[in-house]
C-alpha atoms as a PDB file:
ATOM      1  CA  MET A   1      53.277  99.212  28.223  1.00  0.00           C
ATOM      2  CA  CYS A   2      50.066  99.418  30.414  1.00  0.00           C
ATOM      3  CA  THR A   3      49.070 102.391  32.278  1.00  0.00           C
ATOM      4  CA  TYR A   4      47.072 102.234  35.318  1.00  0.00           C
ATOM      5  CA  THR A   5      45.979 104.997  37.989  1.00  0.00           C
ATOM      6  CA  PHE A   6      45.976 104.527  41.667  1.00  0.00           C
ATOM      7  CA  THR A   7      45.474 106.669  44.632  1.00  0.00           C
ATOM      8  CA  LEU A   8      47.672 106.830  47.726  1.00  0.00           C
ATOM      9  CA  ASP A   9      46.958 108.508  51.090  1.00  0.00           C
ATOM     10  CA  ASP A  10      48.778 111.924  51.184  1.00  0.00           C
ATOM     11  CA  LYS A  11      49.623 111.378  54.819  1.00  0.00           C
ATOM     12  CA  LEU A  12      51.253 108.179  54.096  1.00  0.00           C
ATOM     13  CA  VAL A  13      53.213 109.467  51.170  1.00  0.00           C
ATOM     14  CA  GLU A  14      54.522 112.320  53.218  1.00  0.00           C
ATOM     15  CA  LYS A  15      55.823 109.809  55.839  1.00  0.00           C
ATOM     16  CA  VAL A  16      57.976 108.115  53.321  1.00  0.00           C
ATOM     17  CA  ARG A  17      58.829 111.303  51.159  1.00  0.00           C
ATOM     18  CA  PRO A  18      62.138 111.891  53.128  1.00  0.00           C
ATOM     19  CA  ALA A  19      63.419 108.354  52.065  1.00  0.00           C
ATOM     20  CA  PHE A  20      63.456 109.442  48.509  1.00  0.00           C
ATOM     21  CA  ALA A  21      65.334 112.170  46.804  1.00  0.00           C
ATOM     22  CA  ASP A  22      62.334 113.422  44.673  1.00  0.00           C
ATOM     23  CA  ASP A  23      58.992 112.473  43.082  1.00  0.00           C
ATOM     24  CA  LYS A  24      61.061 110.717  40.214  1.00  0.00           C
ATOM     25  CA  ALA A  25      62.636 108.449  42.812  1.00  0.00           C
ATOM     26  CA  ILE A  26      59.314 107.639  44.460  1.00  0.00           C
ATOM     27  CA  LYS A  27      57.807 106.831  40.894  1.00  0.00           C
ATOM     28  CA  ASN A  28      60.739 104.469  39.990  1.00  0.00           C
ATOM     29  CA  TRP A  29      60.578 102.594  43.499  1.00  0.00           C
ATOM     30  CA  LEU A  30      56.785 102.143  43.227  1.00  0.00           C
ATOM     31  CA  GLN A  31      57.227 100.816  39.391  1.00  0.00           C
ATOM     32  CA  SER A  32      59.900  98.273  40.696  1.00  0.00           C
ATOM     33  CA  GLN A  33      57.632  97.069  43.727  1.00  0.00           C
ATOM     34  CA  ILE A  34      54.523  96.622  41.413  1.00  0.00           C
ATOM     35  CA  GLU A  35      56.689  94.763  38.869  1.00  0.00           C
ATOM     36  CA  VAL A  36      57.770  92.339  41.713  1.00  0.00           C
ATOM     37  CA  LEU A  37      54.257  91.916  42.788  1.00  0.00           C
ATOM     38  CA  PHE A  38      53.220  91.129  39.350  1.00  0.00           C
ATOM     39  CA  MET A  39      55.878  88.752  38.669  1.00  0.00           C
ATOM     40  CA  GLN A  40      55.080  86.891  41.905  1.00  0.00           C
ATOM     41  CA  LYS A  41      51.484  86.652  40.938  1.00  0.00           C
ATOM     42  CA  ALA A  42      52.403  85.476  37.387  1.00  0.00           C
ATOM     43  CA  ALA A  43      54.661  82.758  38.680  1.00  0.00           C
ATOM     44  CA  THR A  44      51.772  81.402  40.866  1.00  0.00           C
ATOM     45  CA  PHE A  45      48.857  82.176  38.412  1.00  0.00           C
ATOM     46  CA  SER A  46      46.833  79.403  37.182  1.00  0.00           C
ATOM     47  CA  PRO A  47      44.003  79.627  34.769  1.00  0.00           C
ATOM     48  CA  LYS A  48      41.942  76.870  36.568  1.00  0.00           C
ATOM     49  CA  THR A  49      39.137  77.769  38.688  1.00  0.00           C
ATOM     50  CA  LYS A  50      39.578  77.708  42.502  1.00  0.00           C
ATOM     51  CA  SER A  51      37.396  74.621  42.861  1.00  0.00           C
ATOM     52  CA  SER A  52      39.020  72.628  40.161  1.00  0.00           C
ATOM     53  CA  LEU A  53      42.371  72.857  41.890  1.00  0.00           C
ATOM     54  CA  LYS A  54      43.516  69.581  43.691  1.00  0.00           C
ATOM     55  CA  LEU A  55      44.482  70.146  47.351  1.00  0.00           C
ATOM     56  CA  SER A  56      48.349  69.649  46.557  1.00  0.00           C
ATOM     57  CA  GLU A  57      48.011  72.329  43.938  1.00  0.00           C
ATOM     58  CA  ARG A  58      46.292  74.870  46.361  1.00  0.00           C
ATOM     59  CA  LEU A  59      48.896  73.911  49.048  1.00  0.00           C
ATOM     60  CA  ARG A  60      51.968  74.424  46.516  1.00  0.00           C
ATOM     61  CA  GLY A  61      50.863  78.268  46.379  1.00  0.00           C
ATOM     62  CA  ILE A  62      51.546  78.810  49.948  1.00  0.00           C
ATOM     63  CA  GLY A  63      55.056  78.487  49.378  1.00  0.00           C
ATOM     64  CA  HIS A  64      55.078  81.474  47.139  1.00  0.00           C
ATOM     65  CA  ALA A  65      52.942  83.717  49.252  1.00  0.00           C
ATOM     66  CA  PRO A  66      53.997  87.369  49.908  1.00  0.00           C
ATOM     67  CA  GLU A  67      55.098  88.120  53.414  1.00  0.00           C
ATOM     68  CA  GLY A  68      52.156  88.680  55.657  1.00  0.00           C
ATOM     69  CA  PHE A  69      49.758  86.691  53.554  1.00  0.00           C
ATOM     70  CA  ASP A  70      46.990  84.933  55.755  1.00  0.00           C
ATOM     71  CA  TYR A  71      47.068  81.383  53.866  1.00  0.00           C
ATOM     72  CA  LYS A  72      44.564  80.165  56.567  1.00  0.00           C
ATOM     73  CA  LYS A  73      42.007  82.863  55.717  1.00  0.00           C
ATOM     74  CA  GLU A  74      42.497  82.442  51.846  1.00  0.00           C
ATOM     75  CA  LEU A  75      41.922  78.648  52.119  1.00  0.00           C
ATOM     76  CA  ALA A  76      38.804  79.406  54.268  1.00  0.00           C
ATOM     77  CA  ASP A  77      37.586  81.769  51.655  1.00  0.00           C
ATOM     78  CA  ARG A  78      37.966  79.319  48.850  1.00  0.00           C
ATOM     79  CA  PHE A  79      35.208  77.013  50.449  1.00  0.00           C
END
């Protein structure tokens, strides 16, 4: 297992704290959410560089983008 440390805004955590039974519940929920994000990234990850991808390969990734992902900005940033 890998271990990473990250920081969350205290005010934000306090807003959601009532939705969880205790800190262990928050930890478990965060763990599950991060695992989902990593699985999504792994499913769309390609070791190719951005510039070497064909247009069809770049567009294929849009179908797997997370909710709220700005694909137009992402494509603009690639060029």
